[in-house]
């Protein structure tokens, strides 16, 4: 199944209105986003980094944790009026112009 960013924003909004009663306020969602990013960081640090992975972390699904981050980010976008499709396209354009040669000329990346 393919899902556009616009469709994801709409799907989250519909779910909130149907099952979630209302959005948490922006500050609460920011705190939740930080918590969810921390859960992704914990898995990455232990599974791919130098920390040893605890037994309780071994069954954690990295994709599921990343999806939690995406969910809360979409909530924040919806409640602050950000169109993530437009914002993402602008971001790619900015990076393309700014970093056109930057990474190719970086000896650390070779």
C-alpha atoms as a PDB file:
ATOM      1  CA  UNK A   1       0.000   0.000   0.000  1.00  0.00           C
ATOM      2  CA  UNK A   2       1.340   3.414  -0.940  1.00  0.00           C
ATOM      3  CA  UNK A   3       0.426   6.417   1.117  1.00  0.00           C
ATOM      4  CA  UNK A   4       1.216  10.027   0.329  1.00  0.00           C
ATOM      5  CA  UNK A   5       2.207  12.428   3.075  1.00  0.00           C
ATOM      6  CA  UNK A   6      -1.052  14.301   2.472  1.00  0.00           C
ATOM      7  CA  UNK A   7      -3.021  11.072   2.892  1.00  0.00           C
ATOM      8  CA  UNK A   8      -1.114  10.285   6.089  1.00  0.00           C
ATOM      9  CA  UNK A   9      -1.947  13.714   7.491  1.00  0.00           C
ATOM     10  CA  UNK A  10      -5.602  13.176   6.636  1.00  0.00           C
ATOM     11  CA  UNK A  11      -5.635   9.648   8.076  1.00  0.00           C
ATOM     12  CA  UNK A  12      -4.131  10.792  11.382  1.00  0.00           C
ATOM     13  CA  UNK A  13      -6.595  13.678  11.579  1.00  0.00           C
ATOM     14  CA  UNK A  14      -9.534  11.347  10.943  1.00  0.00           C
ATOM     15  CA  UNK A  15      -8.265   8.886  13.569  1.00  0.00           C
ATOM     16  CA  UNK A  16      -7.891  11.646  16.158  1.00  0.00           C
ATOM     17  CA  UNK A  17     -11.431  12.867  15.465  1.00  0.00           C
ATOM     18  CA  UNK A  18     -12.871   9.334  15.573  1.00  0.00           C
ATOM     19  CA  UNK A  19     -10.868   7.616  18.309  1.00  0.00           C
ATOM     20  CA  UNK A  20      -8.750  10.202  20.048  1.00  0.00           C
ATOM     21  CA  UNK A  21     -11.413  12.770  20.994  1.00  0.00           C
ATOM     22  CA  UNK A  22      -9.005  15.654  20.282  1.00  0.00           C
ATOM     23  CA  UNK A  23      -5.340  16.398  19.749  1.00  0.00           C
ATOM     24  CA  UNK A  24      -3.170  16.768  22.828  1.00  0.00           C
ATOM     25  CA  UNK A  25      -1.934  20.343  22.995  1.00  0.00           C
ATOM     26  CA  UNK A  26       1.211  21.254  21.100  1.00  0.00           C
ATOM     27  CA  UNK A  27       3.479  21.244  24.153  1.00  0.00           C
ATOM     28  CA  UNK A  28       2.250  17.815  25.213  1.00  0.00           C
ATOM     29  CA  UNK A  29       2.778  16.484  21.700  1.00  0.00           C
ATOM     30  CA  UNK A  30       6.272  18.002  21.626  1.00  0.00           C
ATOM     31  CA  UNK A  31       7.100  16.152  24.840  1.00  0.00           C
ATOM     32  CA  UNK A  32       5.646  12.929  23.407  1.00  0.00           C
ATOM     33  CA  UNK A  33       7.680  13.408  20.204  1.00  0.00           C
ATOM     34  CA  UNK A  34      10.840  13.792  22.259  1.00  0.00           C
ATOM     35  CA  UNK A  35       9.998  10.615  24.167  1.00  0.00           C
ATOM     36  CA  UNK A  36       9.366   8.676  20.953  1.00  0.00           C
ATOM     37  CA  UNK A  37      12.637   9.898  19.381  1.00  0.00           C
ATOM     38  CA  UNK A  38      14.368   8.725  22.561  1.00  0.00           C
ATOM     39  CA  UNK A  39      12.930   5.238  22.062  1.00  0.00           C
ATOM     40  CA  UNK A  40      14.308   5.157  18.510  1.00  0.00           C
ATOM     41  CA  UNK A  41      17.674   6.393  19.782  1.00  0.00           C
ATOM     42  CA  UNK A  42      17.749   3.683  22.441  1.00  0.00           C
ATOM     43  CA  UNK A  43      17.247   0.922  19.864  1.00  0.00           C
ATOM     44  CA  UNK A  44      19.810   2.412  17.458  1.00  0.00           C
ATOM     45  CA  UNK A  45      22.404   2.920  20.206  1.00  0.00           C
ATOM     46  CA  UNK A  46      22.039  -0.626  21.470  1.00  0.00           C
ATOM     47  CA  UNK A  47      21.453  -2.523  18.254  1.00  0.00           C
ATOM     48  CA  UNK A  48      23.851  -0.642  15.964  1.00  0.00           C
ATOM     49  CA  UNK A  49      26.013   1.332  18.376  1.00  0.00           C
ATOM     50  CA  UNK A  50      28.449   0.342  21.069  1.00  0.00           C
ATOM     51  CA  UNK A  51      26.004  -0.148  23.928  1.00  0.00           C
ATOM     52  CA  UNK A  52      24.965  -3.702  24.706  1.00  0.00           C
ATOM     53  CA  UNK A  53      21.352  -4.505  23.984  1.00  0.00           C
ATOM     54  CA  UNK A  54      19.275  -5.388  27.001  1.00  0.00           C
ATOM     55  CA  UNK A  55      17.131  -8.489  26.782  1.00  0.00           C
ATOM     56  CA  UNK A  56      14.020  -6.320  27.109  1.00  0.00           C
ATOM     57  CA  UNK A  57      15.084  -4.294  24.031  1.00  0.00           C
ATOM     58  CA  UNK A  58      15.780  -7.218  21.695  1.00  0.00           C
ATOM     59  CA  UNK A  59      12.166  -7.668  20.630  1.00  0.00           C
ATOM     60  CA  UNK A  60      11.464  -3.954  20.102  1.00  0.00           C
ATOM     61  CA  UNK A  61      10.513  -3.148  16.533  1.00  0.00           C
ATOM     62  CA  UNK A  62      12.540  -0.239  15.151  1.00  0.00           C
ATOM     63  CA  UNK A  63      10.015   0.379  12.384  1.00  0.00           C
ATOM     64  CA  UNK A  64       7.172   0.573  14.878  1.00  0.00           C
ATOM     65  CA  UNK A  65       9.098   3.082  16.978  1.00  0.00           C
ATOM     66  CA  UNK A  66       9.882   5.181  13.891  1.00  0.00           C
ATOM     67  CA  UNK A  67       6.192   5.090  12.981  1.00  0.00           C
ATOM     68  CA  UNK A  68       5.388   6.435  16.464  1.00  0.00           C
ATOM     69  CA  UNK A  69       7.724   9.373  15.764  1.00  0.00           C
ATOM     70  CA  UNK A  70       6.041   9.967  12.408  1.00  0.00           C
ATOM     71  CA  UNK A  71       2.573   9.809  13.986  1.00  0.00           C
ATOM     72  CA  UNK A  72       3.318  12.489  16.576  1.00  0.00           C
ATOM     73  CA  UNK A  73       5.128  14.646  14.016  1.00  0.00           C
ATOM     74  CA  UNK A  74       2.038  14.463  11.792  1.00  0.00           C
ATOM     75  CA  UNK A  75      -0.149  15.395  14.771  1.00  0.00           C
ATOM     76  CA  UNK A  76       1.983  18.479  15.353  1.00  0.00           C
ATOM     77  CA  UNK A  77       1.852  19.387  11.661  1.00  0.00           C
ATOM     78  CA  UNK A  78      -1.917  19.009  11.574  1.00  0.00           C
ATOM     79  CA  UNK A  79      -2.560  21.104  14.632  1.00  0.00           C
ATOM     80  CA  UNK A  80      -0.158  23.879  13.592  1.00  0.00           C
ATOM     81  CA  UNK A  81      -1.366  24.028   9.976  1.00  0.00           C
ATOM     82  CA  UNK A  82       1.812  22.720   8.357  1.00  0.00           C
ATOM     83  CA  UNK A  83       1.419  20.972   5.011  1.00  0.00           C
ATOM     84  CA  UNK A  84       4.205  18.397   5.275  1.00  0.00           C
ATOM     85  CA  UNK A  85       4.215  17.683   1.537  1.00  0.00           C
ATOM     86  CA  UNK A  86       4.970  21.312   0.733  1.00  0.00           C
ATOM     87  CA  UNK A  87       7.404  21.653   3.621  1.00  0.00           C
ATOM     88  CA  UNK A  88       9.281  18.515   2.565  1.00  0.00           C
ATOM     89  CA  UNK A  89       9.501  19.607  -1.070  1.00  0.00           C
ATOM     90  CA  UNK A  90      10.868  23.009  -0.004  1.00  0.00           C
ATOM     91  CA  UNK A  91      13.373  21.266   2.244  1.00  0.00           C
ATOM     92  CA  UNK A  92      14.650  19.046  -0.578  1.00  0.00           C
ATOM     93  CA  UNK A  93      15.015  22.089  -2.830  1.00  0.00           C
ATOM     94  CA  UNK A  94      16.905  23.976  -0.092  1.00  0.00           C
ATOM     95  CA  UNK A  95      19.276  21.069   0.511  1.00  0.00           C
ATOM     96  CA  UNK A  96      19.815  20.578  -3.216  1.00  0.00           C
ATOM     97  CA  UNK A  97      20.798  24.212  -3.727  1.00  0.00           C
ATOM     98  CA  UNK A  98      22.843  24.532  -0.547  1.00  0.00           C
ATOM     99  CA  UNK A  99      24.601  21.170  -0.662  1.00  0.00           C
ATOM    100  CA  UNK A 100      24.942  20.737  -4.428  1.00  0.00           C
ATOM    101  CA  UNK A 101      28.685  20.012  -4.232  1.00  0.00           C
ATOM    102  CA  UNK A 102      29.255  19.889  -0.493  1.00  0.00           C
ATOM    103  CA  UNK A 103      29.090  16.139   0.059  1.00  0.00           C
ATOM    104  CA  UNK A 104      30.913  15.224  -3.170  1.00  0.00           C
ATOM    105  CA  UNK A 105      33.881  17.351  -2.107  1.00  0.00           C
ATOM    106  CA  UNK A 106      33.980  16.043   1.463  1.00  0.00           C
ATOM    107  CA  UNK A 107      36.995  13.717   1.821  1.00  0.00           C
ATOM    108  CA  UNK A 108      35.463  12.223   4.981  1.00  0.00           C
ATOM    109  CA  UNK A 109      32.745  10.607   2.852  1.00  0.00           C
ATOM    110  CA  UNK A 110      35.107   8.756   0.549  1.00  0.00           C
END
